């Protein structure tokens, strides 16, 4: 949110589940970092 003011929180049933941002507003390096962080969040620990 701090890096991409055009983005917004994703909330489902009152619970924060992530972040939504227009692709047009994100540079490639930031997008790679966001995708990687999301992968780490959902991937099995090992």
ModelCIF file with pLDDT and N, C-alpha, C, O atoms, coordinates in Angstrom:
data_MODEL
#
_entry.id   MODEL 
#
_entity.id                         1 
_entity.type                       polymer 
_entity.pdbx_number_of_molecules   1 
#
_entity_poly.entity_id                      1 
_entity_poly.type                           'polypeptide(L)' 
_entity_poly.nstd_linkage                   no 
_entity_poly.nstd_monomer                   no 
_entity_poly.pdbx_seq_one_letter_code       
;(UNK)(UNK)(UNK)(UNK)(UNK)(UNK)(UNK)(UNK)(UNK)(UNK)(UNK)(UNK)(UNK)(UNK)(UNK)(UNK)
(UNK)(UNK)(UNK)(UNK)(UNK)(UNK)(UNK)(UNK)(UNK)(UNK)(UNK)(UNK)(UNK)(UNK)(UNK)(UNK)
(UNK)(UNK)(UNK)(UNK)(UNK)(UNK)(UNK)(UNK)(UNK)(UNK)(UNK)(UNK)(UNK)(UNK)
;
_entity_poly.pdbx_seq_one_letter_code_can   XXXXXXXXXXXXXXXXXXXXXXXXXXXXXXXXXXXXXXXXXXXXXX 
_entity_poly.pdbx_strand_id                 A 
#
loop_
_entity_poly_seq.entity_id 
_entity_poly_seq.num 
_entity_poly_seq.mon_id 
_entity_poly_seq.hetero 
1 1  UNK n 
1 2  UNK n 
1 3  UNK n 
1 4  UNK n 
1 5  UNK n 
1 6  UNK n 
1 7  UNK n 
1 8  UNK n 
1 9  UNK n 
1 10 UNK n 
1 11 UNK n 
1 12 UNK n 
1 13 UNK n 
1 14 UNK n 
1 15 UNK n 
1 16 UNK n 
1 17 UNK n 
1 18 UNK n 
1 19 UNK n 
1 20 UNK n 
1 21 UNK n 
1 22 UNK n 
1 23 UNK n 
1 24 UNK n 
1 25 UNK n 
1 26 UNK n 
1 27 UNK n 
1 28 UNK n 
1 29 UNK n 
1 30 UNK n 
1 31 UNK n 
1 32 UNK n 
1 33 UNK n 
1 34 UNK n 
1 35 UNK n 
1 36 UNK n 
1 37 UNK n 
1 38 UNK n 
1 39 UNK n 
1 40 UNK n 
1 41 UNK n 
1 42 UNK n 
1 43 UNK n 
1 44 UNK n 
1 45 UNK n 
1 46 UNK n 
#
_struct_asym.id          A 
_struct_asym.entity_id   1 
#
loop_
_ma_qa_metric.id 
_ma_qa_metric.mode 
_ma_qa_metric.name 
_ma_qa_metric.software_group_id 
_ma_qa_metric.type 
1 global pLDDT . pLDDT 
2 local  pLDDT . pLDDT 
#
_ma_qa_metric_global.metric_id      1 
_ma_qa_metric_global.metric_value   93.74 
_ma_qa_metric_global.model_id       1 
_ma_qa_metric_global.ordinal_id     1 
#
loop_
_ma_qa_metric_local.label_asym_id 
_ma_qa_metric_local.label_comp_id 
_ma_qa_metric_local.label_seq_id 
_ma_qa_metric_local.metric_id 
_ma_qa_metric_local.metric_value 
_ma_qa_metric_local.model_id 
_ma_qa_metric_local.ordinal_id 
A UNK 1  2 94.00 1 1  
A UNK 2  2 93.00 1 2  
A UNK 3  2 93.00 1 3  
A UNK 4  2 94.00 1 4  
A UNK 5  2 93.00 1 5  
A UNK 6  2 94.00 1 6  
A UNK 7  2 95.00 1 7  
A UNK 8  2 95.00 1 8  
A UNK 9  2 96.00 1 9  
A UNK 10 2 94.00 1 10 
A UNK 11 2 94.00 1 11 
A UNK 12 2 93.00 1 12 
A UNK 13 2 95.00 1 13 
A UNK 14 2 94.00 1 14 
A UNK 15 2 95.00 1 15 
A UNK 16 2 95.00 1 16 
A UNK 17 2 95.00 1 17 
A UNK 18 2 96.00 1 18 
A UNK 19 2 97.00 1 19 
A UNK 20 2 96.00 1 20 
A UNK 21 2 96.00 1 21 
A UNK 22 2 96.00 1 22 
A UNK 23 2 94.00 1 23 
A UNK 24 2 92.00 1 24 
A UNK 25 2 93.00 1 25 
A UNK 26 2 93.00 1 26 
A UNK 27 2 92.00 1 27 
A UNK 28 2 89.00 1 28 
A UNK 29 2 91.00 1 29 
A UNK 30 2 93.00 1 30 
A UNK 31 2 92.00 1 31 
A UNK 32 2 91.00 1 32 
A UNK 33 2 92.00 1 33 
A UNK 34 2 95.00 1 34 
A UNK 35 2 95.00 1 35 
A UNK 36 2 93.00 1 36 
A UNK 37 2 94.00 1 37 
A UNK 38 2 96.00 1 38 
A UNK 39 2 95.00 1 39 
A UNK 40 2 94.00 1 40 
A UNK 41 2 93.00 1 41 
A UNK 42 2 95.00 1 42 
A UNK 43 2 94.00 1 43 
A UNK 44 2 93.00 1 44 
A UNK 45 2 92.00 1 45 
A UNK 46 2 88.00 1 46 
#
loop_
_atom_site.group_PDB 
_atom_site.id 
_atom_site.type_symbol 
_atom_site.label_atom_id 
_atom_site.label_alt_id 
_atom_site.label_comp_id 
_atom_site.label_asym_id 
_atom_site.label_entity_id 
_atom_site.label_seq_id 
_atom_site.pdbx_PDB_ins_code 
_atom_site.Cartn_x 
_atom_site.Cartn_y 
_atom_site.Cartn_z 
_atom_site.occupancy 
_atom_site.B_iso_or_equiv 
_atom_site.pdbx_formal_charge 
_atom_site.auth_seq_id 
_atom_site.auth_comp_id 
_atom_site.auth_asym_id 
_atom_site.auth_atom_id 
_atom_site.pdbx_PDB_model_num 
ATOM 1   N N  . UNK A 1 1  ? 0.835   -1.210  0.000   1.00 94.00 ? 1  UNK A N  1 
ATOM 2   C CA . UNK A 1 1  ? 0.000   0.000   0.000   1.00 94.00 ? 1  UNK A CA 1 
ATOM 3   C C  . UNK A 1 1  ? 0.865   1.254   0.000   1.00 94.00 ? 1  UNK A C  1 
ATOM 4   O O  . UNK A 1 1  ? 0.561   2.229   -0.687  1.00 94.00 ? 1  UNK A O  1 
ATOM 5   N N  . UNK A 1 2  ? 1.941   1.220   0.774   1.00 93.00 ? 2  UNK A N  1 
ATOM 6   C CA . UNK A 1 2  ? 2.835   2.383   0.839   1.00 93.00 ? 2  UNK A CA 1 
ATOM 7   C C  . UNK A 1 2  ? 3.540   2.605   -0.495  1.00 93.00 ? 2  UNK A C  1 
ATOM 8   O O  . UNK A 1 2  ? 3.739   3.747   -0.911  1.00 93.00 ? 2  UNK A O  1 
ATOM 9   N N  . UNK A 1 3  ? 3.917   1.526   -1.163  1.00 93.00 ? 3  UNK A N  1 
ATOM 10  C CA . UNK A 1 3  ? 4.642   1.638   -2.435  1.00 93.00 ? 3  UNK A CA 1 
ATOM 11  C C  . UNK A 1 3  ? 3.724   1.890   -3.622  1.00 93.00 ? 3  UNK A C  1 
ATOM 12  O O  . UNK A 1 3  ? 4.146   2.469   -4.623  1.00 93.00 ? 3  UNK A O  1 
ATOM 13  N N  . UNK A 1 4  ? 2.469   1.458   -3.516  1.00 94.00 ? 4  UNK A N  1 
ATOM 14  C CA . UNK A 1 4  ? 1.531   1.557   -4.652  1.00 94.00 ? 4  UNK A CA 1 
ATOM 15  C C  . UNK A 1 4  ? 0.199   2.133   -4.180  1.00 94.00 ? 4  UNK A C  1 
ATOM 16  O O  . UNK A 1 4  ? -0.731  1.386   -3.875  1.00 94.00 ? 4  UNK A O  1 
ATOM 17  N N  . UNK A 1 5  ? 0.107   3.471   -4.119  1.00 93.00 ? 5  UNK A N  1 
ATOM 18  C CA . UNK A 1 5  ? -1.109  4.104   -3.602  1.00 93.00 ? 5  UNK A CA 1 
ATOM 19  C C  . UNK A 1 5  ? -2.371  3.806   -4.422  1.00 93.00 ? 5  UNK A C  1 
ATOM 20  O O  . UNK A 1 5  ? -3.484  3.966   -3.921  1.00 93.00 ? 5  UNK A O  1 
ATOM 21  N N  . UNK A 1 6  ? -2.205  3.376   -5.674  1.00 94.00 ? 6  UNK A N  1 
ATOM 22  C CA . UNK A 1 6  ? -3.382  3.071   -6.493  1.00 94.00 ? 6  UNK A CA 1 
ATOM 23  C C  . UNK A 1 6  ? -3.947  1.692   -6.161  1.00 94.00 ? 6  UNK A C  1 
ATOM 24  O O  . UNK A 1 6  ? -5.021  1.329   -6.642  1.00 94.00 ? 6  UNK A O  1 
ATOM 25  N N  . UNK A 1 7  ? -3.235  0.930   -5.348  1.00 95.00 ? 7  UNK A N  1 
ATOM 26  C CA . UNK A 1 7  ? -3.697  -0.394  -4.956  1.00 95.00 ? 7  UNK A CA 1 
ATOM 27  C C  . UNK A 1 7  ? -4.643  -0.322  -3.776  1.00 95.00 ? 7  UNK A C  1 
ATOM 28  O O  . UNK A 1 7  ? -4.831  0.731   -3.168  1.00 95.00 ? 7  UNK A O  1 
ATOM 29  N N  . UNK A 1 8  ? -5.237  -1.471  -3.465  1.00 95.00 ? 8  UNK A N  1 
ATOM 30  C CA . UNK A 1 8  ? -6.175  -1.518  -2.344  1.00 95.00 ? 8  UNK A CA 1 
ATOM 31  C C  . UNK A 1 8  ? -6.115  -2.885  -1.675  1.00 95.00 ? 8  UNK A C  1 
ATOM 32  O O  . UNK A 1 8  ? -5.698  -3.879  -2.270  1.00 95.00 ? 8  UNK A O  1 
ATOM 33  N N  . UNK A 1 9  ? -6.542  -2.899  -0.427  1.00 96.00 ? 9  UNK A N  1 
ATOM 34  C CA . UNK A 1 9  ? -6.588  -4.142  0.321   1.00 96.00 ? 9  UNK A CA 1 
ATOM 35  C C  . UNK A 1 9  ? -7.679  -5.044  -0.244  1.00 96.00 ? 9  UNK A C  1 
ATOM 36  O O  . UNK A 1 9  ? -8.727  -4.567  -0.678  1.00 96.00 ? 9  UNK A O  1 
ATOM 37  N N  . UNK A 1 10 ? -7.426  -6.347  -0.235  1.00 94.00 ? 10 UNK A N  1 
ATOM 38  C CA . UNK A 1 10 ? -8.439  -7.342  -0.594  1.00 94.00 ? 10 UNK A CA 1 
ATOM 39  C C  . UNK A 1 10 ? -8.986  -7.918  0.701   1.00 94.00 ? 10 UNK A C  1 
ATOM 40  O O  . UNK A 1 10 ? -8.244  -8.492  1.497   1.00 94.00 ? 10 UNK A O  1 
ATOM 41  N N  . UNK A 1 11 ? -10.277 -7.764  0.906   1.00 94.00 ? 11 UNK A N  1 
ATOM 42  C CA . UNK A 1 11 ? -10.912 -8.257  2.122   1.00 94.00 ? 11 UNK A CA 1 
ATOM 43  C C  . UNK A 1 11 ? -12.050 -9.189  1.708   1.00 94.00 ? 11 UNK A C  1 
ATOM 44  O O  . UNK A 1 11 ? -12.865 -8.847  0.851   1.00 94.00 ? 11 UNK A O  1 
ATOM 45  N N  . UNK A 1 12 ? -12.094 -10.358 2.323   1.00 93.00 ? 12 UNK A N  1 
ATOM 46  C CA . UNK A 1 12 ? -13.167 -11.312 2.067   1.00 93.00 ? 12 UNK A CA 1 
ATOM 47  C C  . UNK A 1 12 ? -13.775 -11.704 3.406   1.00 93.00 ? 12 UNK A C  1 
ATOM 48  O O  . UNK A 1 12 ? -13.080 -12.170 4.309   1.00 93.00 ? 12 UNK A O  1 
ATOM 49  N N  . UNK A 1 13 ? -15.090 -11.505 3.518   1.00 95.00 ? 13 UNK A N  1 
ATOM 50  C CA . UNK A 1 13 ? -15.826 -11.827 4.747   1.00 95.00 ? 13 UNK A CA 1 
ATOM 51  C C  . UNK A 1 13 ? -15.178 -11.188 5.973   1.00 95.00 ? 13 UNK A C  1 
ATOM 52  O O  . UNK A 1 13 ? -15.059 -11.823 7.021   1.00 95.00 ? 13 UNK A O  1 
ATOM 53  N N  . UNK A 1 14 ? -14.760 -9.930  5.837   1.00 94.00 ? 14 UNK A N  1 
ATOM 54  C CA . UNK A 1 14 ? -14.175 -9.193  6.947   1.00 94.00 ? 14 UNK A CA 1 
ATOM 55  C C  . UNK A 1 14 ? -12.731 -9.512  7.254   1.00 94.00 ? 14 UNK A C  1 
ATOM 56  O O  . UNK A 1 14 ? -12.160 -8.956  8.192   1.00 94.00 ? 14 UNK A O  1 
ATOM 57  N N  . UNK A 1 15 ? -12.117 -10.418 6.463   1.00 95.00 ? 15 UNK A N  1 
ATOM 58  C CA . UNK A 1 15 ? -10.737 -10.818 6.730   1.00 95.00 ? 15 UNK A CA 1 
ATOM 59  C C  . UNK A 1 15 ? -9.830  -10.366 5.591   1.00 95.00 ? 15 UNK A C  1 
ATOM 60  O O  . UNK A 1 15 ? -10.151 -10.548 4.417   1.00 95.00 ? 15 UNK A O  1 
ATOM 61  N N  . UNK A 1 16 ? -8.703  -9.781  5.950   1.00 95.00 ? 16 UNK A N  1 
ATOM 62  C CA . UNK A 1 16 ? -7.717  -9.345  4.959   1.00 95.00 ? 16 UNK A CA 1 
ATOM 63  C C  . UNK A 1 16 ? -7.078  -10.575 4.315   1.00 95.00 ? 16 UNK A C  1 
ATOM 64  O O  . UNK A 1 16 ? -6.552  -11.448 5.004   1.00 95.00 ? 16 UNK A O  1 
ATOM 65  N N  . UNK A 1 17 ? -7.134  -10.630 2.960   1.00 95.00 ? 17 UNK A N  1 
ATOM 66  C CA . UNK A 1 17 ? -6.527  -11.774 2.270   1.00 95.00 ? 17 UNK A CA 1 
ATOM 67  C C  . UNK A 1 17 ? -5.421  -11.368 1.310   1.00 95.00 ? 17 UNK A C  1 
ATOM 68  O O  . UNK A 1 17 ? -4.696  -12.226 0.807   1.00 95.00 ? 17 UNK A O  1 
ATOM 69  N N  . UNK A 1 18 ? -5.278  -10.063 1.046   1.00 96.00 ? 18 UNK A N  1 
ATOM 70  C CA . UNK A 1 18 ? -4.222  -9.680  0.124   1.00 96.00 ? 18 UNK A CA 1 
ATOM 71  C C  . UNK A 1 18 ? -4.328  -8.259  -0.367  1.00 96.00 ? 18 UNK A C  1 
ATOM 72  O O  . UNK A 1 18 ? -4.821  -7.369  0.327   1.00 96.00 ? 18 UNK A O  1 
ATOM 73  N N  . UNK A 1 19 ? -3.853  -8.070  -1.583  1.00 97.00 ? 19 UNK A N  1 
ATOM 74  C CA . UNK A 1 19 ? -3.685  -6.735  -2.160  1.00 97.00 ? 19 UNK A CA 1 
ATOM 75  C C  . UNK A 1 19 ? -4.044  -6.790  -3.642  1.00 97.00 ? 19 UNK A C  1 
ATOM 76  O O  . UNK A 1 19 ? -3.728  -7.759  -4.333  1.00 97.00 ? 19 UNK A O  1 
ATOM 77  N N  . UNK A 1 20 ? -4.701  -5.748  -4.116  1.00 96.00 ? 20 UNK A N  1 
ATOM 78  C CA . UNK A 1 20 ? -5.074  -5.635  -5.528  1.00 96.00 ? 20 UNK A CA 1 
ATOM 79  C C  . UNK A 1 20 ? -4.469  -4.338  -6.076  1.00 96.00 ? 20 UNK A C  1 
ATOM 80  O O  . UNK A 1 20 ? -4.555  -3.282  -5.449  1.00 96.00 ? 20 UNK A O  1 
ATOM 81  N N  . UNK A 1 21 ? -3.861  -4.441  -7.252  1.00 96.00 ? 21 UNK A N  1 
ATOM 82  C CA . UNK A 1 21 ? -3.233  -3.271  -7.860  1.00 96.00 ? 21 UNK A CA 1 
ATOM 83  C C  . UNK A 1 21 ? -3.339  -3.383  -9.385  1.00 96.00 ? 21 UNK A C  1 
ATOM 84  O O  . UNK A 1 21 ? -3.190  -4.475  -9.935  1.00 96.00 ? 21 UNK A O  1 
ATOM 85  N N  . UNK A 1 22 ? -3.596  -2.264  -10.070 1.00 96.00 ? 22 UNK A N  1 
ATOM 86  C CA . UNK A 1 22 ? -3.615  -2.303  -11.536 1.00 96.00 ? 22 UNK A CA 1 
ATOM 87  C C  . UNK A 1 22 ? -2.217  -2.614  -12.072 1.00 96.00 ? 22 UNK A C  1 
ATOM 88  O O  . UNK A 1 22 ? -1.233  -2.031  -11.617 1.00 96.00 ? 22 UNK A O  1 
ATOM 89  N N  . UNK A 1 23 ? -2.130  -3.529  -13.036 1.00 94.00 ? 23 UNK A N  1 
ATOM 90  C CA . UNK A 1 23 ? -0.835  -3.862  -13.632 1.00 94.00 ? 23 UNK A CA 1 
ATOM 91  C C  . UNK A 1 23 ? -0.176  -2.627  -14.224 1.00 94.00 ? 23 UNK A C  1 
ATOM 92  O O  . UNK A 1 23 ? 1.049   -2.509  -14.208 1.00 94.00 ? 23 UNK A O  1 
ATOM 93  N N  . UNK A 1 24 ? -0.975  -1.708  -14.745 1.00 92.00 ? 24 UNK A N  1 
ATOM 94  C CA . UNK A 1 24 ? -0.436  -0.491  -15.362 1.00 92.00 ? 24 UNK A CA 1 
ATOM 95  C C  . UNK A 1 24 ? 0.328   0.378   -14.370 1.00 92.00 ? 24 UNK A C  1 
ATOM 96  O O  . UNK A 1 24 ? 1.156   1.195   -14.771 1.00 92.00 ? 24 UNK A O  1 
ATOM 97  N N  . UNK A 1 25 ? 0.057   0.208   -13.085 1.00 93.00 ? 25 UNK A N  1 
ATOM 98  C CA . UNK A 1 25 ? 0.660   1.068   -12.068 1.00 93.00 ? 25 UNK A CA 1 
ATOM 99  C C  . UNK A 1 25 ? 1.864   0.445   -11.361 1.00 93.00 ? 25 UNK A C  1 
ATOM 100 O O  . UNK A 1 25 ? 2.369   1.009   -10.390 1.00 93.00 ? 25 UNK A O  1 
ATOM 101 N N  . UNK A 1 26 ? 2.327   -0.711  -11.835 1.00 93.00 ? 26 UNK A N  1 
ATOM 102 C CA . UNK A 1 26 ? 3.427   -1.404  -11.171 1.00 93.00 ? 26 UNK A CA 1 
ATOM 103 C C  . UNK A 1 26 ? 4.553   -1.627  -12.170 1.00 93.00 ? 26 UNK A C  1 
ATOM 104 O O  . UNK A 1 26 ? 4.314   -2.059  -13.298 1.00 93.00 ? 26 UNK A O  1 
ATOM 105 N N  . UNK A 1 27 ? 5.793   -1.329  -11.749 1.00 92.00 ? 27 UNK A N  1 
ATOM 106 C CA . UNK A 1 27 ? 6.922   -1.627  -12.644 1.00 92.00 ? 27 UNK A CA 1 
ATOM 107 C C  . UNK A 1 27 ? 7.299   -3.104  -12.503 1.00 92.00 ? 27 UNK A C  1 
ATOM 108 O O  . UNK A 1 27 ? 6.881   -3.773  -11.558 1.00 92.00 ? 27 UNK A O  1 
ATOM 109 N N  . UNK A 1 28 ? 8.076   -3.593  -13.435 1.00 89.00 ? 28 UNK A N  1 
ATOM 110 C CA . UNK A 1 28 ? 8.412   -5.015  -13.486 1.00 89.00 ? 28 UNK A CA 1 
ATOM 111 C C  . UNK A 1 28 ? 9.104   -5.533  -12.252 1.00 89.00 ? 28 UNK A C  1 
ATOM 112 O O  . UNK A 1 28 ? 8.792   -6.626  -11.778 1.00 89.00 ? 28 UNK A O  1 
ATOM 113 N N  . UNK A 1 29 ? 10.040  -4.769  -11.722 1.00 91.00 ? 29 UNK A N  1 
ATOM 114 C CA . UNK A 1 29 ? 10.782  -5.207  -10.536 1.00 91.00 ? 29 UNK A CA 1 
ATOM 115 C C  . UNK A 1 29 ? 9.849   -5.342  -9.338  1.00 91.00 ? 29 UNK A C  1 
ATOM 116 O O  . UNK A 1 29 ? 9.923   -6.323  -8.598  1.00 91.00 ? 29 UNK A O  1 
ATOM 117 N N  . UNK A 1 30 ? 8.973   -4.362  -9.147  1.00 93.00 ? 30 UNK A N  1 
ATOM 118 C CA . UNK A 1 30 ? 8.023   -4.420  -8.037  1.00 93.00 ? 30 UNK A CA 1 
ATOM 119 C C  . UNK A 1 30 ? 7.035   -5.570  -8.218  1.00 93.00 ? 30 UNK A C  1 
ATOM 120 O O  . UNK A 1 30 ? 6.680   -6.249  -7.254  1.00 93.00 ? 30 UNK A O  1 
ATOM 121 N N  . UNK A 1 31 ? 6.594   -5.785  -9.456  1.00 92.00 ? 31 UNK A N  1 
ATOM 122 C CA . UNK A 1 31 ? 5.664   -6.882  -9.718  1.00 92.00 ? 31 UNK A CA 1 
ATOM 123 C C  . UNK A 1 31 ? 6.311   -8.225  -9.382  1.00 92.00 ? 31 UNK A C  1 
ATOM 124 O O  . UNK A 1 31 ? 5.686   -9.074  -8.745  1.00 92.00 ? 31 UNK A O  1 
ATOM 125 N N  . UNK A 1 32 ? 7.558   -8.419  -9.806  1.00 91.00 ? 32 UNK A N  1 
ATOM 126 C CA . UNK A 1 32 ? 8.270   -9.660  -9.486  1.00 91.00 ? 32 UNK A CA 1 
ATOM 127 C C  . UNK A 1 32 ? 8.322   -9.881  -7.977  1.00 91.00 ? 32 UNK A C  1 
ATOM 128 O O  . UNK A 1 32 ? 8.096   -10.992 -7.500  1.00 91.00 ? 32 UNK A O  1 
ATOM 129 N N  . UNK A 1 33 ? 8.622   -8.817  -7.227  1.00 92.00 ? 33 UNK A N  1 
ATOM 130 C CA . UNK A 1 33 ? 8.715   -8.933  -5.769  1.00 92.00 ? 33 UNK A CA 1 
ATOM 131 C C  . UNK A 1 33 ? 7.351   -9.263  -5.160  1.00 92.00 ? 33 UNK A C  1 
ATOM 132 O O  . UNK A 1 33 ? 7.271   -10.077 -4.240  1.00 92.00 ? 33 UNK A O  1 
ATOM 133 N N  . UNK A 1 34 ? 6.285   -8.649  -5.656  1.00 95.00 ? 34 UNK A N  1 
ATOM 134 C CA . UNK A 1 34 ? 4.946   -8.927  -5.138  1.00 95.00 ? 34 UNK A CA 1 
ATOM 135 C C  . UNK A 1 34 ? 4.522   -10.364 -5.433  1.00 95.00 ? 34 UNK A C  1 
ATOM 136 O O  . UNK A 1 34 ? 3.970   -11.044 -4.568  1.00 95.00 ? 34 UNK A O  1 
ATOM 137 N N  . UNK A 1 35 ? 4.782   -10.823 -6.658  1.00 95.00 ? 35 UNK A N  1 
ATOM 138 C CA . UNK A 1 35 ? 4.419   -12.186 -7.039  1.00 95.00 ? 35 UNK A CA 1 
ATOM 139 C C  . UNK A 1 35 ? 5.194   -13.191 -6.187  1.00 95.00 ? 35 UNK A C  1 
ATOM 140 O O  . UNK A 1 35 ? 4.635   -14.187 -5.726  1.00 95.00 ? 35 UNK A O  1 
ATOM 141 N N  . UNK A 1 36 ? 6.461   -12.926 -5.986  1.00 93.00 ? 36 UNK A N  1 
ATOM 142 C CA . UNK A 1 36 ? 7.307   -13.820 -5.182  1.00 93.00 ? 36 UNK A CA 1 
ATOM 143 C C  . UNK A 1 36 ? 6.824   -13.850 -3.727  1.00 93.00 ? 36 UNK A C  1 
ATOM 144 O O  . UNK A 1 36 ? 6.776   -14.915 -3.110  1.00 93.00 ? 36 UNK A O  1 
ATOM 145 N N  . UNK A 1 37 ? 6.468   -12.684 -3.181  1.00 94.00 ? 37 UNK A N  1 
ATOM 146 C CA . UNK A 1 37 ? 5.968   -12.626 -1.805  1.00 94.00 ? 37 UNK A CA 1 
ATOM 147 C C  . UNK A 1 37 ? 4.652   -13.395 -1.676  1.00 94.00 ? 37 UNK A C  1 
ATOM 148 O O  . UNK A 1 37 ? 4.429   -14.087 -0.683  1.00 94.00 ? 37 UNK A O  1 
ATOM 149 N N  . UNK A 1 38 ? 3.789   -13.272 -2.674  1.00 96.00 ? 38 UNK A N  1 
ATOM 150 C CA . UNK A 1 38 ? 2.519   -14.004 -2.655  1.00 96.00 ? 38 UNK A CA 1 
ATOM 151 C C  . UNK A 1 38 ? 2.773   -15.506 -2.738  1.00 96.00 ? 38 UNK A C  1 
ATOM 152 O O  . UNK A 1 38 ? 2.110   -16.290 -2.059  1.00 96.00 ? 38 UNK A O  1 
ATOM 153 N N  . UNK A 1 39 ? 3.737   -15.906 -3.575  1.00 95.00 ? 39 UNK A N  1 
ATOM 154 C CA . UNK A 1 39 ? 4.086   -17.329 -3.690  1.00 95.00 ? 39 UNK A CA 1 
ATOM 155 C C  . UNK A 1 39 ? 4.569   -17.853 -2.337  1.00 95.00 ? 39 UNK A C  1 
ATOM 156 O O  . UNK A 1 39 ? 4.121   -18.905 -1.881  1.00 95.00 ? 39 UNK A O  1 
ATOM 157 N N  . UNK A 1 40 ? 5.489   -17.115 -1.690  1.00 94.00 ? 40 UNK A N  1 
ATOM 158 C CA . UNK A 1 40 ? 6.004   -17.534 -0.381  1.00 94.00 ? 40 UNK A CA 1 
ATOM 159 C C  . UNK A 1 40 ? 4.871   -17.674 0.639   1.00 94.00 ? 40 UNK A C  1 
ATOM 160 O O  . UNK A 1 40 ? 4.906   -18.558 1.495   1.00 94.00 ? 40 UNK A O  1 
ATOM 161 N N  . UNK A 1 41 ? 3.888   -16.815 0.544   1.00 93.00 ? 41 UNK A N  1 
ATOM 162 C CA . UNK A 1 41 ? 2.761   -16.823 1.475   1.00 93.00 ? 41 UNK A CA 1 
ATOM 163 C C  . UNK A 1 41 ? 1.925   -18.099 1.335   1.00 93.00 ? 41 UNK A C  1 
ATOM 164 O O  . UNK A 1 41 ? 1.372   -18.582 2.323   1.00 93.00 ? 41 UNK A O  1 
ATOM 165 N N  . UNK A 1 42 ? 1.828   -18.643 0.134   1.00 95.00 ? 42 UNK A N  1 
ATOM 166 C CA . UNK A 1 42 ? 0.943   -19.779 -0.132  1.00 95.00 ? 42 UNK A CA 1 
ATOM 167 C C  . UNK A 1 42 ? 1.671   -21.116 -0.328  1.00 95.00 ? 42 UNK A C  1 
ATOM 168 O O  . UNK A 1 42 ? 1.043   -22.173 -0.263  1.00 95.00 ? 42 UNK A O  1 
ATOM 169 N N  . UNK A 1 43 ? 2.970   -21.080 -0.565  1.00 94.00 ? 43 UNK A N  1 
ATOM 170 C CA . UNK A 1 43 ? 3.712   -22.316 -0.836  1.00 94.00 ? 43 UNK A CA 1 
ATOM 171 C C  . UNK A 1 43 ? 3.916   -23.119 0.445   1.00 94.00 ? 43 UNK A C  1 
ATOM 172 O O  . UNK A 1 43 ? 4.010   -22.548 1.532   1.00 94.00 ? 43 UNK A O  1 
ATOM 173 N N  . UNK A 1 44 ? 3.984   -24.448 0.317   1.00 93.00 ? 44 UNK A N  1 
ATOM 174 C CA . UNK A 1 44 ? 4.311   -25.276 1.488   1.00 93.00 ? 44 UNK A CA 1 
ATOM 175 C C  . UNK A 1 44 ? 5.673   -24.873 2.062   1.00 93.00 ? 44 UNK A C  1 
ATOM 176 O O  . UNK A 1 44 ? 6.554   -24.423 1.330   1.00 93.00 ? 44 UNK A O  1 
ATOM 177 N N  . UNK A 1 45 ? 5.833   -25.037 3.351   1.00 92.00 ? 45 UNK A N  1 
ATOM 178 C CA . UNK A 1 45 ? 7.032   -24.557 4.038   1.00 92.00 ? 45 UNK A CA 1 
ATOM 179 C C  . UNK A 1 45 ? 8.326   -25.134 3.476   1.00 92.00 ? 45 UNK A C  1 
ATOM 180 O O  . UNK A 1 45 ? 9.297   -24.398 3.294   1.00 92.00 ? 45 UNK A O  1 
ATOM 181 N N  . UNK A 1 46 ? 8.359   -26.439 3.197   1.00 88.00 ? 46 UNK A N  1 
ATOM 182 C CA . UNK A 1 46 ? 9.592   -27.046 2.682   1.00 88.00 ? 46 UNK A CA 1 
ATOM 183 C C  . UNK A 1 46 ? 9.940   -26.521 1.291   1.00 88.00 ? 46 UNK A C  1 
ATOM 184 O O  . UNK A 1 46 ? 10.947  -26.929 0.712   1.00 88.00 ? 46 UNK A O  1 
#
